[in-house]
PDB file of N, CA and C in Angstrom:
ATOM      1  N   MET A   1      42.783 -99.542  52.790  1.00  0.00           N
ATOM      2  CA  MET A   1      44.039 -99.215  53.431  1.00  0.00           C
ATOM      3  C   MET A   1      44.910 -98.363  52.509  1.00  0.00           C
ATOM      4  N   VAL A   2      44.875 -98.636  51.233  1.00  0.00           N
ATOM      5  CA  VAL A   2      45.699 -97.871  50.296  1.00  0.00           C
ATOM      6  C   VAL A   2      45.201 -96.432  50.206  1.00  0.00           C
ATOM      7  N   ILE A   3      43.884 -96.254  50.113  1.00  0.00           N
ATOM      8  CA  ILE A   3      43.320 -94.914  49.984  1.00  0.00           C
ATOM      9  C   ILE A   3      43.577 -94.091  51.237  1.00  0.00           C
ATOM     10  N   VAL A   4      43.441 -94.708  52.396  1.00  0.00           N
ATOM     11  CA  VAL A   4      43.641 -93.980  53.658  1.00  0.00           C
ATOM     12  C   VAL A   4      45.065 -93.468  53.753  1.00  0.00           C
ATOM     13  N   SER A   5      46.033 -94.274  53.340  1.00  0.00           N
ATOM     14  CA  SER A   5      47.424 -93.827  53.418  1.00  0.00           C
ATOM     15  C   SER A   5      47.705 -92.664  52.472  1.00  0.00           C
ATOM     16  N   ILE A   6      46.899 -92.491  51.467  1.00  0.00           N
ATOM     17  CA  ILE A   6      47.044 -91.348  50.568  1.00  0.00           C
ATOM     18  C   ILE A   6      46.300 -90.133  51.119  1.00  0.00           C
ATOM     19  N   ILE A   7      45.119 -90.355  51.696  1.00  0.00           N
ATOM     20  CA  ILE A   7      44.275 -89.255  52.158  1.00  0.00           C
ATOM     21  C   ILE A   7      44.802 -88.604  53.438  1.00  0.00           C
ATOM     22  N   VAL A   8      45.344 -89.384  54.352  1.00  0.00           N
ATOM     23  CA  VAL A   8      45.759 -88.844  55.659  1.00  0.00           C
ATOM     24  C   VAL A   8      46.796 -87.728  55.530  1.00  0.00           C
ATOM     25  N   PRO A   9      47.881 -87.880  54.768  1.00  0.00           N
ATOM     26  CA  PRO A   9      48.828 -86.757  54.670  1.00  0.00           C
ATOM     27  C   PRO A   9      48.212 -85.490  54.066  1.00  0.00           C
ATOM     28  N   VAL A  10      47.310 -85.669  53.103  1.00  0.00           N
ATOM     29  CA  VAL A  10      46.642 -84.508  52.506  1.00  0.00           C
ATOM     30  C   VAL A  10      45.762 -83.830  53.553  1.00  0.00           C
ATOM     31  N   ALA A  11      45.003 -84.636  54.313  1.00  0.00           N
ATOM     32  CA  ALA A  11      44.136 -84.074  55.352  1.00  0.00           C
ATOM     33  C   ALA A  11      44.955 -83.370  56.428  1.00  0.00           C
ATOM     34  N   MET A  12      46.081 -83.938  56.799  1.00  0.00           N
ATOM     35  CA  MET A  12      46.936 -83.300  57.803  1.00  0.00           C
ATOM     36  C   MET A  12      47.454 -81.957  57.277  1.00  0.00           C
ATOM     37  N   GLY A  13      47.702 -81.874  55.982  1.00  0.00           N
ATOM     38  CA  GLY A  13      48.121 -80.613  55.377  1.00  0.00           C
ATOM     39  C   GLY A  13      47.058 -79.533  55.479  1.00  0.00           C
ATOM     40  N   TYR A  14      45.796 -79.940  55.523  1.00  0.00           N
ATOM     41  CA  TYR A  14      44.680 -79.002  55.669  1.00  0.00           C
ATOM     42  C   TYR A  14      44.209 -78.883  57.114  1.00  0.00           C
ATOM     43  N   HIS A  15      44.978 -79.417  58.049  1.00  0.00           N
ATOM     44  CA  HIS A  15      44.702 -79.356  59.491  1.00  0.00           C
ATOM     45  C   HIS A  15      43.369 -80.010  59.862  1.00  0.00           C
ATOM     46  N   ILE A  16      43.082 -81.156  59.259  1.00  0.00           N
ATOM     47  CA  ILE A  16      41.893 -81.934  59.597  1.00  0.00           C
ATOM     48  C   ILE A  16      42.292 -82.967  60.640  1.00  0.00           C
ATOM     49  N   ASP A  17      41.533 -83.041  61.708  1.00  0.00           N
ATOM     50  CA  ASP A  17      41.811 -83.978  62.794  1.00  0.00           C
ATOM     51  C   ASP A  17      41.728 -85.415  62.277  1.00  0.00           C
ATOM     52  N   PRO A  18      42.724 -86.258  62.569  1.00  0.00           N
ATOM     53  CA  PRO A  18      42.698 -87.646  62.082  1.00  0.00           C
ATOM     54  C   PRO A  18      41.514 -88.455  62.621  1.00  0.00           C
ATOM     55  N   VAL A  19      41.079 -88.170  63.855  1.00  0.00           N
ATOM     56  CA  VAL A  19      39.915 -88.866  64.407  1.00  0.00           C
ATOM     57  C   VAL A  19      38.669 -88.498  63.604  1.00  0.00           C
ATOM     58  N   HIS A  20      38.514 -87.226  63.331  1.00  0.00           N
ATOM     59  CA  HIS A  20      37.379 -86.758  62.538  1.00  0.00           C
ATOM     60  C   HIS A  20      37.413 -87.382  61.140  1.00  0.00           C
ATOM     61  N   LEU A  21      38.566 -87.406  60.522  1.00  0.00           N
ATOM     62  CA  LEU A  21      38.716 -87.995  59.196  1.00  0.00           C
ATOM     63  C   LEU A  21      38.331 -89.468  59.217  1.00  0.00           C
ATOM     64  N   GLY A  22      38.771 -90.197  60.229  1.00  0.00           N
ATOM     65  CA  GLY A  22      38.456 -91.619  60.325  1.00  0.00           C
ATOM     66  C   GLY A  22      36.973 -91.872  60.485  1.00  0.00           C
ATOM     67  N   ILE A  23      36.304 -91.080  61.305  1.00  0.00           N
ATOM     68  CA  ILE A  23      34.866 -91.262  61.517  1.00  0.00           C
ATOM     69  C   ILE A  23      34.088 -90.926  60.251  1.00  0.00           C
ATOM     70  N   VAL A  24      34.448 -89.856  59.580  1.00  0.00           N
ATOM     71  CA  VAL A  24      33.775 -89.489  58.332  1.00  0.00           C
ATOM     72  C   VAL A  24      34.038 -90.560  57.267  1.00  0.00           C
ATOM     73  N   PHE A  25      35.252 -91.068  57.218  1.00  0.00           N
ATOM     74  CA  PHE A  25      35.607 -92.111  56.250  1.00  0.00           C
ATOM     75  C   PHE A  25      34.773 -93.369  56.494  1.00  0.00           C
ATOM     76  N   LEU A  26      34.652 -93.799  57.742  1.00  0.00           N
ATOM     77  CA  LEU A  26      33.862 -94.996  58.057  1.00  0.00           C
ATOM     78  C   LEU A  26      32.379 -94.790  57.775  1.00  0.00           C
ATOM     79  N   ALA A  27      31.858 -93.606  58.068  1.00  0.00           N
ATOM     80  CA  ALA A  27      30.453 -93.329  57.769  1.00  0.00           C
ATOM     81  C   ALA A  27      30.204 -93.385  56.256  1.00  0.00           C
ATOM     82  N   ASN A  28      31.130 -92.845  55.476  1.00  0.00           N
ATOM     83  CA  ASN A  28      31.014 -92.920  54.019  1.00  0.00           C
ATOM     84  C   ASN A  28      31.080 -94.361  53.522  1.00  0.00           C
ATOM     85  N   MET A  29      31.947 -95.158  54.129  1.00  0.00           N
ATOM     86  CA  MET A  29      32.059 -96.560  53.731  1.00  0.00           C
ATOM     87  C   MET A  29      30.760 -97.306  53.999  1.00  0.00           C
ATOM     88  N   GLU A  30      30.143 -97.073  55.146  1.00  0.00           N
ATOM     89  CA  GLU A  30      28.893 -97.760  55.460  1.00  0.00           C
ATOM     90  C   GLU A  30      27.791 -97.358  54.493  1.00  0.00           C
ATOM     91  N   ILE A  31      27.725 -96.101  54.131  1.00  0.00           N
ATOM     92  CA  ILE A  31      26.731 -95.665  53.150  1.00  0.00           C
ATOM     93  C   ILE A  31      27.007 -96.352  51.807  1.00  0.00           C
ATOM     94  N   GLY A  32      28.262 -96.490  51.463  1.00  0.00           N
ATOM     95  CA  GLY A  32      28.620 -97.193  50.230  1.00  0.00           C
ATOM     96  C   GLY A  32      28.226 -98.659  50.272  1.00  0.00           C
ATOM     97  N   TYR A  33      28.324 -99.291  51.426  1.00  0.00           N
ATOM     98  CA  TYR A  33      27.939-100.696  51.556  1.00  0.00           C
ATOM     99  C   TYR A  33      26.427-100.884  51.498  1.00  0.00           C
ATOM    100  N   LEU A  34      25.671 -99.818  51.685  1.00  0.00           N
ATOM    101  CA  LEU A  34      24.213 -99.920  51.689  1.00  0.00           C
ATOM    102  C   LEU A  34      23.552 -99.431  50.400  1.00  0.00           C
ATOM    103  N   THR A  35      24.335 -98.960  49.449  1.00  0.00           N
ATOM    104  CA  THR A  35      23.731 -98.416  48.235  1.00  0.00           C
ATOM    105  C   THR A  35      24.147 -99.233  47.009  1.00  0.00           C
ATOM    106  N   PRO A  36      23.215 -99.409  46.072  1.00  0.00           N
ATOM    107  CA  PRO A  36      23.547-100.157  44.852  1.00  0.00           C
ATOM    108  C   PRO A  36      24.498 -99.353  43.977  1.00  0.00           C
ATOM    109  N   PRO A  37      25.176 -99.908  43.050  1.00  0.00           N
ATOM    110  CA  PRO A  37      25.134-101.287  42.601  1.00  0.00           C
ATOM    111  C   PRO A  37      26.125-102.198  43.321  1.00  0.00           C
ATOM    112  N   PHE A  38      26.990-101.654  44.145  1.00  0.00           N
ATOM    113  CA  PHE A  38      28.007-102.494  44.785  1.00  0.00           C
ATOM    114  C   PHE A  38      27.781-102.656  46.277  1.00  0.00           C
ATOM    115  N   GLY A  39      26.563-102.489  46.746  1.00  0.00           N
ATOM    116  CA  GLY A  39      26.259-102.549  48.169  1.00  0.00           C
ATOM    117  C   GLY A  39      26.366-103.962  48.722  1.00  0.00           C
ATOM    118  N   LEU A  40      27.518-104.307  49.236  1.00  0.00           N
ATOM    119  CA  LEU A  40      27.753-105.653  49.747  1.00  0.00           C
ATOM    120  C   LEU A  40      26.752-106.020  50.837  1.00  0.00           C
ATOM    121  N   ASN A  41      26.431-105.082  51.722  1.00  0.00           N
ATOM    122  CA  ASN A  41      25.480-105.373  52.789  1.00  0.00           C
ATOM    123  C   ASN A  41      24.089-105.684  52.238  1.00  0.00           C
ATOM    124  N   LEU A  42      23.725-105.081  51.114  1.00  0.00           N
ATOM    125  CA  LEU A  42      22.437-105.390  50.491  1.00  0.00           C
ATOM    126  C   LEU A  42      22.398-106.831  50.004  1.00  0.00           C
ATOM    127  N   PHE A  43      23.464-107.264  49.367  1.00  0.00           N
ATOM    128  CA  PHE A  43      23.510-108.637  48.859  1.00  0.00           C
ATOM    129  C   PHE A  43      23.516-109.642  50.008  1.00  0.00           C
ATOM    130  N   LEU A  44      24.262-109.336  51.059  1.00  0.00           N
ATOM    131  CA  LEU A  44      24.288-110.241  52.213  1.00  0.00           C
ATOM    132  C   LEU A  44      22.934-110.316  52.898  1.00  0.00           C
ATOM    133  N   ALA A  45      22.272-109.179  53.081  1.00  0.00           N
ATOM    134  CA  ALA A  45      20.957-109.182  53.719  1.00  0.00           C
ATOM    135  C   ALA A  45      19.926-109.866  52.833  1.00  0.00           C
ATOM    136  N   GLY A  46      19.979-109.649  51.538  1.00  0.00           N
ATOM    137  CA  GLY A  46      19.056-110.309  50.621  1.00  0.00           C
ATOM    138  C   GLY A  46      19.217-111.815  50.650  1.00  0.00           C
ATOM    139  N   TYR A  47      20.455-112.273  50.691  1.00  0.00           N
ATOM    140  CA  TYR A  47      20.717-113.704  50.756  1.00  0.00           C
ATOM    141  C   TYR A  47      20.266-114.280  52.095  1.00  0.00           C
ATOM    142  N   ARG A  48      20.593-113.591  53.165  1.00  0.00           N
ATOM    143  CA  ARG A  48      20.277-114.092  54.514  1.00  0.00           C
ATOM    144  C   ARG A  48      18.778-114.170  54.759  1.00  0.00           C
ATOM    145  N   PHE A  49      18.032-113.159  54.314  1.00  0.00           N
ATOM    146  CA  PHE A  49      16.594-113.115  54.571  1.00  0.00           C
ATOM    147  C   PHE A  49      15.766-113.606  53.390  1.00  0.00           C
ATOM    148  N   LYS A  50      16.453-114.107  52.347  1.00  0.00           N
ATOM    149  CA  LYS A  50      15.788-114.658  51.163  1.00  0.00           C
ATOM    150  C   LYS A  50      14.803-113.657  50.536  1.00  0.00           C
ATOM    151  N   LYS A  51      15.296-112.440  50.374  1.00  0.00           N
ATOM    152  CA  LYS A  51      14.517-111.361  49.751  1.00  0.00           C
ATOM    153  C   LYS A  51      15.316-110.823  48.565  1.00  0.00           C
ATOM    154  N   PRO A  52      14.654-110.275  47.558  1.00  0.00           N
ATOM    155  CA  PRO A  52      15.405-109.663  46.455  1.00  0.00           C
ATOM    156  C   PRO A  52      16.137-108.400  46.924  1.00  0.00           C
ATOM    157  N   VAL A  53      17.253-108.138  46.281  1.00  0.00           N
ATOM    158  CA  VAL A  53      18.086-106.992  46.672  1.00  0.00           C
ATOM    159  C   VAL A  53      17.306-105.683  46.541  1.00  0.00           C
ATOM    160  N   ALA A  54      16.457-105.568  45.532  1.00  0.00           N
ATOM    161  CA  ALA A  54      15.669-104.341  45.356  1.00  0.00           C
ATOM    162  C   ALA A  54      14.748-104.102  46.551  1.00  0.00           C
ATOM    163  N   LYS A  55      14.143-105.159  47.076  1.00  0.00           N
ATOM    164  CA  LYS A  55      13.261-105.038  48.248  1.00  0.00           C
ATOM    165  C   LYS A  55      14.064-104.631  49.477  1.00  0.00           C
ATOM    166  N   VAL A  56      15.231-105.229  49.646  1.00  0.00           N
ATOM    167  CA  VAL A  56      16.081-104.881  50.786  1.00  0.00           C
ATOM    168  C   VAL A  56      16.512-103.423  50.696  1.00  0.00           C
ATOM    169  N   PHE A  57      16.835-102.964  49.484  1.00  0.00           N
ATOM    170  CA  PHE A  57      17.247-101.574  49.305  1.00  0.00           C
ATOM    171  C   PHE A  57      16.113-100.612  49.657  1.00  0.00           C
ATOM    172  N   VAL A  58      14.920-100.887  49.166  1.00  0.00           N
ATOM    173  CA  VAL A  58      13.778-100.016  49.463  1.00  0.00           C
ATOM    174  C   VAL A  58      13.511 -99.979  50.964  1.00  0.00           C
ATOM    175  N   ASP A  59      13.620-101.134  51.613  1.00  0.00           N
ATOM    176  CA  ASP A  59      13.394-101.190  53.057  1.00  0.00           C
ATOM    177  C   ASP A  59      14.495-100.489  53.853  1.00  0.00           C
ATOM    178  N   SER A  60      15.676-100.379  53.271  1.00  0.00           N
ATOM    179  CA  SER A  60      16.779 -99.730  53.992  1.00  0.00           C
ATOM    180  C   SER A  60      16.881 -98.229  53.715  1.00  0.00           C
ATOM    181  N   LEU A  61      16.050 -97.697  52.827  1.00  0.00           N
ATOM    182  CA  LEU A  61      16.114 -96.267  52.483  1.00  0.00           C
ATOM    183  C   LEU A  61      15.981 -95.330  53.691  1.00  0.00           C
ATOM    184  N   PRO A  62      15.055 -95.572  54.640  1.00  0.00           N
ATOM    185  CA  PRO A  62      15.002 -94.665  55.795  1.00  0.00           C
ATOM    186  C   PRO A  62      16.318 -94.630  56.585  1.00  0.00           C
ATOM    187  N   PHE A  63      16.977 -95.767  56.664  1.00  0.00           N
ATOM    188  CA  PHE A  63      18.240 -95.818  57.399  1.00  0.00           C
ATOM    189  C   PHE A  63      19.357 -95.116  56.626  1.00  0.00           C
ATOM    190  N   ILE A  64      19.317 -95.210  55.310  1.00  0.00           N
ATOM    191  CA  ILE A  64      20.302 -94.508  54.489  1.00  0.00           C
ATOM    192  C   ILE A  64      20.118 -92.999  54.641  1.00  0.00           C
ATOM    193  N   ILE A  65      18.876 -92.546  54.695  1.00  0.00           N
ATOM    194  CA  ILE A  65      18.613 -91.116  54.894  1.00  0.00           C
ATOM    195  C   ILE A  65      19.133 -90.659  56.253  1.00  0.00           C
ATOM    196  N   ILE A  66      18.943 -91.480  57.275  1.00  0.00           N
ATOM    197  CA  ILE A  66      19.468 -91.153  58.608  1.00  0.00           C
ATOM    198  C   ILE A  66      20.989 -91.101  58.571  1.00  0.00           C
ATOM    199  N   LEU A  67      21.611 -92.064  57.901  1.00  0.00           N
ATOM    200  CA  LEU A  67      23.071 -92.070  57.787  1.00  0.00           C
ATOM    201  C   LEU A  67      23.577 -90.842  57.026  1.00  0.00           C
ATOM    202  N   LEU A  68      22.901 -90.454  55.960  1.00  0.00           N
ATOM    203  CA  LEU A  68      23.321 -89.271  55.202  1.00  0.00           C
ATOM    204  C   LEU A  68      23.189 -87.998  56.028  1.00  0.00           C
ATOM    205  N   THR A  69      22.118 -87.913  56.817  1.00  0.00           N
ATOM    206  CA  THR A  69      21.942 -86.757  57.696  1.00  0.00           C
ATOM    207  C   THR A  69      23.053 -86.718  58.745  1.00  0.00           C
ATOM    208  N   GLY A  70      23.330 -87.869  59.336  1.00  0.00           N
ATOM    209  CA  GLY A  70      24.415 -87.938  60.320  1.00  0.00           C
ATOM    210  C   GLY A  70      25.763 -87.607  59.713  1.00  0.00           C
ATOM    211  N   LEU A  71      25.998 -88.078  58.500  1.00  0.00           N
ATOM    212  CA  LEU A  71      27.256 -87.777  57.818  1.00  0.00           C
ATOM    213  C   LEU A  71      27.394 -86.286  57.551  1.00  0.00           C
ATOM    214  N   ALA A  72      26.307 -85.646  57.134  1.00  0.00           N
ATOM    215  CA  ALA A  72      26.358 -84.193  56.895  1.00  0.00           C
ATOM    216  C   ALA A  72      26.675 -83.454  58.194  1.00  0.00           C
ATOM    217  N   LEU A  73      26.048 -83.862  59.288  1.00  0.00           N
ATOM    218  CA  LEU A  73      26.331 -83.218  60.575  1.00  0.00           C
ATOM    219  C   LEU A  73      27.776 -83.446  61.000  1.00  0.00           C
ATOM    220  N   LEU A  74      28.258 -84.673  60.859  1.00  0.00           N
ATOM    221  CA  LEU A  74      29.643 -84.973  61.230  1.00  0.00           C
ATOM    222  C   LEU A  74      30.645 -84.211  60.373  1.00  0.00           C
ATOM    223  N   THR A  75      30.339 -84.090  59.104  1.00  0.00           N
ATOM    224  CA  THR A  75      31.274 -83.438  58.193  1.00  0.00           C
ATOM    225  C   THR A  75      31.375 -81.939  58.478  1.00  0.00           C
ATOM    226  N   TYR A  76      30.249 -81.295  58.691  1.00  0.00           N
ATOM    227  CA  TYR A  76      30.259 -79.843  58.834  1.00  0.00           C
ATOM    228  C   TYR A  76      30.414 -79.365  60.275  1.00  0.00           C
ATOM    229  N   PHE A  77      30.252 -80.256  61.242  1.00  0.00           N
ATOM    230  CA  PHE A  77      30.453 -79.918  62.651  1.00  0.00           C
ATOM    231  C   PHE A  77      31.400 -80.944  63.280  1.00  0.00           C
ATOM    232  N   PRO A  78      32.708 -80.795  63.064  1.00  0.00           N
ATOM    233  CA  PRO A  78      33.664 -81.786  63.547  1.00  0.00           C
ATOM    234  C   PRO A  78      33.683 -81.928  65.069  1.00  0.00           C
ATOM    235  N   ILE A  79      33.159 -80.968  65.795  1.00  0.00           N
ATOM    236  CA  ILE A  79      33.129 -81.055  67.246  1.00  0.00           C
ATOM    237  C   ILE A  79      32.320 -82.273  67.707  1.00  0.00           C
ATOM    238  N   ILE A  80      31.356 -82.699  66.889  1.00  0.00           N
ATOM    239  CA  ILE A  80      30.540 -83.871  67.237  1.00  0.00           C
ATOM    240  C   ILE A  80      31.414 -85.113  67.358  1.00  0.00           C
ATOM    241  N   SER A  81      32.362 -85.279  66.459  1.00  0.00           N
ATOM    242  CA  SER A  81      33.186 -86.482  66.464  1.00  0.00           C
ATOM    243  C   SER A  81      34.450 -86.345  67.304  1.00  0.00           C
ATOM    244  N   THR A  82      34.831 -85.133  67.661  1.00  0.00           N
ATOM    245  CA  THR A  82      36.094 -84.975  68.384  1.00  0.00           C
ATOM    246  C   THR A  82      35.931 -84.506  69.827  1.00  0.00           C
ATOM    247  N   TYR A  83      34.716 -84.241  70.255  1.00  0.00           N
ATOM    248  CA  TYR A  83      34.508 -83.683  71.592  1.00  0.00           C
ATOM    249  C   TYR A  83      35.041 -84.600  72.687  1.00  0.00           C
ATOM    250  N   LEU A  84      34.632 -85.856  72.702  1.00  0.00           N
ATOM    251  CA  LEU A  84      35.066 -86.774  73.756  1.00  0.00           C
ATOM    252  C   LEU A  84      36.565 -87.026  73.724  1.00  0.00           C
ATOM    253  N   VAL A  85      37.119 -87.162  72.539  1.00  0.00           N
ATOM    254  CA  VAL A  85      38.560 -87.392  72.424  1.00  0.00           C
ATOM    255  C   VAL A  85      39.326 -86.204  72.982  1.00  0.00           C
ATOM    256  N   ASN A  86      38.899 -85.004  72.635  1.00  0.00           N
ATOM    257  CA  ASN A  86      39.562 -83.813  73.146  1.00  0.00           C
ATOM    258  C   ASN A  86      39.378 -83.676  74.663  1.00  0.00           C
ATOM    259  N   LYS A  87      38.223 -84.064  75.176  1.00  0.00           N
ATOM    260  CA  LYS A  87      37.950 -83.982  76.604  1.00  0.00           C
ATOM    261  C   LYS A  87      38.839 -84.955  77.386  1.00  0.00           C
ATOM    262  N   ILE A  88      39.075 -86.124  76.836  1.00  0.00           N
ATOM    263  CA  ILE A  88      39.875 -87.141  77.519  1.00  0.00           C
ATOM    264  C   ILE A  88      41.366 -86.836  77.437  1.00  0.00           C
ATOM    265  N   TYR A  89      41.856 -86.460  76.275  1.00  0.00           N
ATOM    266  CA  TYR A  89      43.297 -86.332  76.069  1.00  0.00           C
ATOM    267  C   TYR A  89      43.849 -84.914  76.232  1.00  0.00           C
ATOM    268  N   HIS A  90      42.988 -83.930  76.473  1.00  0.00           N
ATOM    269  CA  HIS A  90      43.522 -82.565  76.631  1.00  0.00           C
ATOM    270  C   HIS A  90      43.098 -81.971  77.927  1.00  0.00           C
TER     271      HIS A  90
END
């Protein structure tokens, strides 16, 4: 919450859509939760399925690659994240 309140005014200064910023921010957060050394989701999944964190990380690599690809598309083509919002409200 603290970081978002700092980033939003800067993004608005660069004319970045707040919806686009929020979606990119959440996608980055999920990638952060899935990567070591602070990947909370890795520790939770390892505990829940009684597997070592390293095994869970290796098994989640294809999904991390998909998330990174999606993040790159969302970041460089903002129309993907703002199309429906613009269609509904404009």
